[in-house]
Amino acid sequence: MKKIYFLKTCSTCARIIKSLDLPSDVIFQDIKTEEITVKQLEELAEMAGSYEALFSKRAKLYKEMGLKDQNLTDDEFKHYILEHYTFLKRPVIVYNNAIFIGNSAKTVEAAKTFIHDNE
C-alpha cells in the first residue's frame, strides 16, 4: 500500500508531500474531510507499534483538554485520534510495508530515502 494521511490545510504537510517526489499510484487521504476509520487506525498502530506513536502531543486540544497532565493508555490515545483528526500526528506516510510518522526532518529524510530506494 502507498498512502499518505495528511491535512490539506496544513502547509507543512503540503511542503513535505511536494518534497517526496511521489509516484502517481500513491493514495492521499485528507483526514479532515475523510475521517480515519477504526480499521485504518488499527492497521497504522500495528505498523507503528502503538497508538501513542501516532498521537500528536503538539495538538492545541491536547493542552486545552488537560490531556498533557494525564497518563493516557494506548486505548485512550486511540479514542482521541478517532474522536478528532487533530490528534493524528501528520503526515503519516505508508509506503509498501514501511510507515513514517510526523514532520521531523529525520523522518522526512528517511521517507524520501525509502521511497526512492523502493520505486
Protein backbone atom coordinates (compact mmCIF):
# COMPACT_ATOMS: atom_id res chain seq x y z
CA MET A 1 0.00 0.00 0.00
CA LYS A 2 1.15 3.51 -0.79
CA LYS A 3 -0.89 6.04 1.14
CA ILE A 4 -0.49 9.37 2.88
CA TYR A 5 -2.76 10.56 5.66
CA PHE A 6 -2.49 14.33 5.83
CA LEU A 7 -4.31 17.59 6.38
CA LYS A 8 -4.98 19.53 3.18
CA THR A 9 -4.91 22.86 5.02
CA CYS A 10 -1.52 22.14 6.62
CA SER A 11 1.31 23.95 4.84
CA THR A 12 3.88 21.65 6.45
CA CYS A 13 2.12 18.56 5.04
CA ALA A 14 1.97 20.19 1.61
CA ARG A 15 5.67 21.07 1.70
CA ILE A 16 6.65 17.55 2.76
CA ILE A 17 4.44 15.85 0.16
CA LYS A 18 5.87 18.08 -2.58
CA SER A 19 9.43 17.28 -1.49
CA LEU A 20 8.86 13.50 -1.62
CA ASP A 21 8.58 13.32 -5.43
CA LEU A 22 5.97 10.56 -5.16
CA PRO A 23 4.91 8.10 -7.85
CA SER A 24 1.40 8.51 -9.29
CA ASP A 25 -0.03 5.44 -7.52
CA VAL A 26 0.09 6.99 -4.03
CA ILE A 27 -3.34 7.48 -2.44
CA PHE A 28 -3.96 10.65 -0.43
CA GLN A 29 -6.46 10.89 2.41
CA ASP A 30 -7.28 14.31 3.85
CA ILE A 31 -8.18 13.32 7.40
CA LYS A 32 -10.39 16.35 7.90
CA THR A 33 -12.75 15.60 5.00
CA GLU A 34 -12.37 11.80 5.04
CA GLU A 35 -12.11 10.69 8.66
CA ILE A 36 -9.74 7.90 9.51
CA THR A 37 -11.61 4.66 10.20
CA VAL A 38 -11.15 2.32 13.14
CA LYS A 39 -9.73 -0.32 10.77
CA GLN A 40 -7.27 2.14 9.21
CA LEU A 41 -6.11 3.36 12.62
CA GLU A 42 -5.69 -0.21 13.89
CA GLU A 43 -3.56 -1.07 10.84
CA LEU A 44 -1.42 2.05 11.33
CA ALA A 45 -0.96 1.31 15.04
CA GLU A 46 0.10 -2.24 14.25
CA MET A 47 2.74 -0.89 11.87
CA ALA A 48 3.81 1.88 14.27
CA GLY A 49 3.88 -0.31 17.38
CA SER A 50 1.36 1.74 19.37
CA TYR A 51 -1.37 4.35 19.17
CA GLU A 52 0.82 6.71 21.13
CA ALA A 53 3.34 6.73 18.25
CA LEU A 54 0.54 8.13 16.04
CA PHE A 55 -0.67 10.68 18.59
CA SER A 56 0.22 14.35 18.29
CA LYS A 57 1.11 15.85 21.63
CA ARG A 58 1.52 19.19 19.85
CA ALA A 59 -2.21 19.50 19.12
CA LYS A 60 -3.85 22.52 20.76
CA LEU A 61 -6.63 20.30 22.10
CA TYR A 62 -4.06 18.17 23.93
CA LYS A 63 -3.28 21.09 26.23
CA GLU A 64 -6.79 22.59 26.22
CA MET A 65 -8.37 19.31 27.36
CA GLY A 66 -5.74 18.82 30.06
CA LEU A 67 -4.54 15.58 28.48
CA LYS A 68 -0.89 16.53 28.95
CA ASP A 69 -1.42 16.21 32.71
CA GLN A 70 -2.76 12.66 32.42
CA ASN A 71 -1.09 9.31 31.86
CA LEU A 72 -3.04 8.12 28.84
CA THR A 73 -3.33 4.45 27.95
CA ASP A 74 -2.91 3.21 24.39
CA ASP A 75 -6.70 2.73 24.19
CA GLU A 76 -7.18 6.35 25.22
CA PHE A 77 -4.74 7.51 22.52
CA LYS A 78 -6.80 5.50 20.02
CA HIS A 79 -10.05 7.02 21.30
CA TYR A 80 -8.81 10.60 20.99
CA ILE A 81 -7.37 10.08 17.49
CA LEU A 82 -10.71 8.71 16.34
CA GLU A 83 -12.60 11.48 18.14
CA HIS A 84 -10.74 14.37 16.48
CA TYR A 85 -8.44 14.39 13.46
CA THR A 86 -6.10 16.92 15.05
CA PHE A 87 -4.74 14.23 17.37
CA LEU A 88 -3.21 12.24 14.49
CA LYS A 89 0.44 13.14 14.07
CA ARG A 90 0.90 14.06 10.44
CA PRO A 91 1.65 13.34 7.82
CA VAL A 92 1.52 9.57 8.13
CA ILE A 93 3.23 8.04 5.13
CA VAL A 94 2.69 4.36 4.43
CA TYR A 95 4.85 3.04 1.63
CA ASN A 96 4.76 -0.70 1.00
CA ASN A 97 5.39 -2.16 4.47
CA ALA A 98 7.04 0.92 5.99
CA ILE A 99 5.48 3.73 7.99
CA PHE A 100 6.79 7.24 8.57
CA ILE A 101 5.00 9.39 11.14
CA GLY A 102 5.27 13.12 11.61
CA ASN A 103 7.18 16.00 10.16
CA SER A 104 10.60 15.88 11.77
CA ALA A 105 13.47 16.39 9.33
CA LYS A 106 14.84 12.95 10.23
CA THR A 107 11.50 11.24 9.49
CA VAL A 108 11.00 13.10 6.21
CA GLU A 109 14.54 12.26 5.05
CA ALA A 110 14.04 8.58 5.97
CA ALA A 111 10.79 8.54 3.97
CA LYS A 112 12.46 10.16 0.94
CA THR A 113 15.30 7.65 1.02
CA PHE A 114 12.95 4.68 1.44
CA ILE A 115 10.61 5.79 -1.33
CA HIS A 116 13.49 6.50 -3.70
CA ASP A 117 15.09 3.10 -2.97
CA ASN A 118 11.79 1.20 -3.38
CA GLU A 119 10.36 2.68 -6.57
